[in-house]
Amino acid sequence: MSTIQTPEGWTIENDAIRRTSSFSTFRDAIHFVNNVAQLAESQNHHPDITINYRKVTLTLTTHDAGGLTEKDFTLAASINELQGSIKHPSTLPNC
């Protein structure tokens, strides 16, 4: 894994990469999680997700490989792009 750069905001912890993001409201956090779920489905690679009120922690590891693979770093980079492009939920109806 040393040849793959860890995306900004993510840390390597044991055999996983992890990122915690804080949001203004619980609703914003859930909106983000729903968008991550859609992205994860499209890449067929699914993070462990912990929601603590306005904080969301995402943990990526490739369970069937027993640790980190390129899939984890690719999804992490995609999540970073997603987080930068999400419109604020209060501007979206029925979000």
C-alpha atoms as a PDB file:
ATOM      1  CA  MET A   1       0.000   0.000   0.000  1.00  0.00           C
ATOM      2  CA  SER A   2       2.967   2.329   0.286  1.00  0.00           C
ATOM      3  CA  THR A   3       2.657   3.352  -3.371  1.00  0.00           C
ATOM      4  CA  ILE A   4      -0.912   4.618  -2.921  1.00  0.00           C
ATOM      5  CA  GLN A   5      -1.300   8.024  -1.320  1.00  0.00           C
ATOM      6  CA  THR A   6      -3.857   8.379   1.453  1.00  0.00           C
ATOM      7  CA  PRO A   7      -6.509  10.930   0.390  1.00  0.00           C
ATOM      8  CA  GLU A   8      -6.645  14.214   2.266  1.00  0.00           C
ATOM      9  CA  GLY A   9      -8.446  14.015   5.595  1.00  0.00           C
ATOM     10  CA  TRP A  10      -8.107  10.230   5.932  1.00  0.00           C
ATOM     11  CA  THR A  11      -5.825   8.443   8.378  1.00  0.00           C
ATOM     12  CA  ILE A  12      -4.512   4.913   8.308  1.00  0.00           C
ATOM     13  CA  GLU A  13      -5.467   2.966  11.409  1.00  0.00           C
ATOM     14  CA  ASN A  14      -4.426  -0.689  11.514  1.00  0.00           C
ATOM     15  CA  ASP A  15      -5.777  -2.286   8.318  1.00  0.00           C
ATOM     16  CA  ALA A  16      -8.233   0.508   7.474  1.00  0.00           C
ATOM     17  CA  ILE A  17      -8.476   4.167   6.555  1.00  0.00           C
ATOM     18  CA  ARG A  18     -10.783   6.425   8.529  1.00  0.00           C
ATOM     19  CA  ARG A  19     -12.243   9.895   8.302  1.00  0.00           C
ATOM     20  CA  THR A  20     -14.555  11.780  10.640  1.00  0.00           C
ATOM     21  CA  SER A  21     -16.568  14.697   9.289  1.00  0.00           C
ATOM     22  CA  SER A  22     -18.610  17.186  11.306  1.00  0.00           C
ATOM     23  CA  PHE A  23     -21.796  18.806  10.038  1.00  0.00           C
ATOM     24  CA  SER A  24     -23.928  21.753  11.115  1.00  0.00           C
ATOM     25  CA  THR A  25     -26.998  19.630  11.782  1.00  0.00           C
ATOM     26  CA  PHE A  26     -28.013  15.999  12.154  1.00  0.00           C
ATOM     27  CA  ARG A  27     -29.985  16.364   8.935  1.00  0.00           C
ATOM     28  CA  ASP A  28     -26.835  17.446   7.068  1.00  0.00           C
ATOM     29  CA  ALA A  29     -24.982  14.415   8.439  1.00  0.00           C
ATOM     30  CA  ILE A  30     -27.716  12.047   7.275  1.00  0.00           C
ATOM     31  CA  HIS A  31     -27.831  13.720   3.859  1.00  0.00           C
ATOM     32  CA  PHE A  32     -24.094  13.102   3.528  1.00  0.00           C
ATOM     33  CA  VAL A  33     -24.463   9.451   4.598  1.00  0.00           C
ATOM     34  CA  ASN A  34     -27.211   8.904   2.025  1.00  0.00           C
ATOM     35  CA  ASN A  35     -24.967  10.303  -0.704  1.00  0.00           C
ATOM     36  CA  VAL A  36     -22.060   8.125   0.440  1.00  0.00           C
ATOM     37  CA  ALA A  37     -24.385   5.095   0.331  1.00  0.00           C
ATOM     38  CA  GLN A  38     -25.249   5.800  -3.310  1.00  0.00           C
ATOM     39  CA  LEU A  39     -21.580   6.253  -4.181  1.00  0.00           C
ATOM     40  CA  ALA A  40     -20.601   3.066  -2.337  1.00  0.00           C
ATOM     41  CA  GLU A  41     -23.268   1.104  -4.216  1.00  0.00           C
ATOM     42  CA  SER A  42     -22.007   2.428  -7.551  1.00  0.00           C
ATOM     43  CA  GLN A  43     -18.477   1.249  -6.682  1.00  0.00           C
ATOM     44  CA  ASN A  44     -19.677  -1.986  -5.032  1.00  0.00           C
ATOM     45  CA  HIS A  45     -17.480  -1.209  -2.026  1.00  0.00           C
ATOM     46  CA  HIS A  46     -19.099  -0.336   1.275  1.00  0.00           C
ATOM     47  CA  PRO A  47     -17.717   1.611   4.245  1.00  0.00           C
ATOM     48  CA  ASP A  48     -18.459   1.012   7.883  1.00  0.00           C
ATOM     49  CA  ILE A  49     -20.427   4.091   8.932  1.00  0.00           C
ATOM     50  CA  THR A  50     -20.833   5.468  12.447  1.00  0.00           C
ATOM     51  CA  ILE A  51     -23.186   8.390  13.043  1.00  0.00           C
ATOM     52  CA  ASN A  52     -22.869  10.344  16.276  1.00  0.00           C
ATOM     53  CA  TYR A  53     -25.380  13.187  16.023  1.00  0.00           C
ATOM     54  CA  ARG A  54     -23.552  15.655  13.741  1.00  0.00           C
ATOM     55  CA  LYS A  55     -20.377  13.601  13.266  1.00  0.00           C
ATOM     56  CA  VAL A  56     -19.991  10.841  10.700  1.00  0.00           C
ATOM     57  CA  THR A  57     -17.057   8.451  10.791  1.00  0.00           C
ATOM     58  CA  LEU A  58     -16.335   6.383   7.700  1.00  0.00           C
ATOM     59  CA  THR A  59     -14.008   3.398   7.884  1.00  0.00           C
ATOM     60  CA  LEU A  60     -12.793   1.660   4.752  1.00  0.00           C
ATOM     61  CA  THR A  61     -11.117  -1.714   4.492  1.00  0.00           C
ATOM     62  CA  THR A  62     -11.482  -4.579   2.065  1.00  0.00           C
ATOM     63  CA  HIS A  63     -12.800  -7.272   4.386  1.00  0.00           C
ATOM     64  CA  ASP A  64     -12.438 -10.171   1.948  1.00  0.00           C
ATOM     65  CA  ALA A  65      -8.807  -9.184   1.278  1.00  0.00           C
ATOM     66  CA  GLY A  66      -8.034  -8.835   4.983  1.00  0.00           C
ATOM     67  CA  GLY A  67      -6.931  -5.214   4.795  1.00  0.00           C
ATOM     68  CA  LEU A  68      -6.427  -2.215   2.581  1.00  0.00           C
ATOM     69  CA  THR A  69      -6.613  -2.402  -1.198  1.00  0.00           C
ATOM     70  CA  GLU A  70      -6.814   0.118  -4.000  1.00  0.00           C
ATOM     71  CA  LYS A  71     -10.635  -0.040  -3.705  1.00  0.00           C
ATOM     72  CA  ASP A  72     -10.442   1.679  -0.315  1.00  0.00           C
ATOM     73  CA  PHE A  73      -8.312   4.556  -1.544  1.00  0.00           C
ATOM     74  CA  THR A  74     -10.427   4.979  -4.681  1.00  0.00           C
ATOM     75  CA  LEU A  75     -13.660   5.173  -2.671  1.00  0.00           C
ATOM     76  CA  ALA A  76     -12.066   7.554  -0.157  1.00  0.00           C
ATOM     77  CA  ALA A  77     -11.005   9.904  -2.964  1.00  0.00           C
ATOM     78  CA  SER A  78     -14.513   9.711  -4.452  1.00  0.00           C
ATOM     79  CA  ILE A  79     -16.047  10.514  -1.050  1.00  0.00           C
ATOM     80  CA  ASN A  80     -13.771  13.556  -0.784  1.00  0.00           C
ATOM     81  CA  GLU A  81     -14.986  14.743  -4.201  1.00  0.00           C
ATOM     82  CA  LEU A  82     -18.580  14.075  -3.200  1.00  0.00           C
ATOM     83  CA  GLN A  83     -18.259  15.995   0.053  1.00  0.00           C
ATOM     84  CA  GLY A  84     -16.898  18.998  -1.815  1.00  0.00           C
ATOM     85  CA  SER A  85     -19.763  18.980  -4.313  1.00  0.00           C
ATOM     86  CA  ILE A  86     -22.835  18.367  -2.116  1.00  0.00           C
ATOM     87  CA  LYS A  87     -25.306  21.204  -1.974  1.00  0.00           C
ATOM     88  CA  HIS A  88     -26.373  22.213   1.485  1.00  0.00           C
ATOM     89  CA  PRO A  89     -29.435  20.089   2.340  1.00  0.00           C
ATOM     90  CA  SER A  90     -31.459  23.080   3.513  1.00  0.00           C
ATOM     91  CA  THR A  91     -31.532  24.208  -0.126  1.00  0.00           C
ATOM     92  CA  LEU A  92     -33.026  20.899  -1.252  1.00  0.00           C
ATOM     93  CA  PRO A  93     -36.738  20.084  -0.886  1.00  0.00           C
ATOM     94  CA  ASN A  94     -37.714  16.994   1.135  1.00  0.00           C
ATOM     95  CA  CYS A  95     -34.121  16.060   1.852  1.00  0.00           C
END
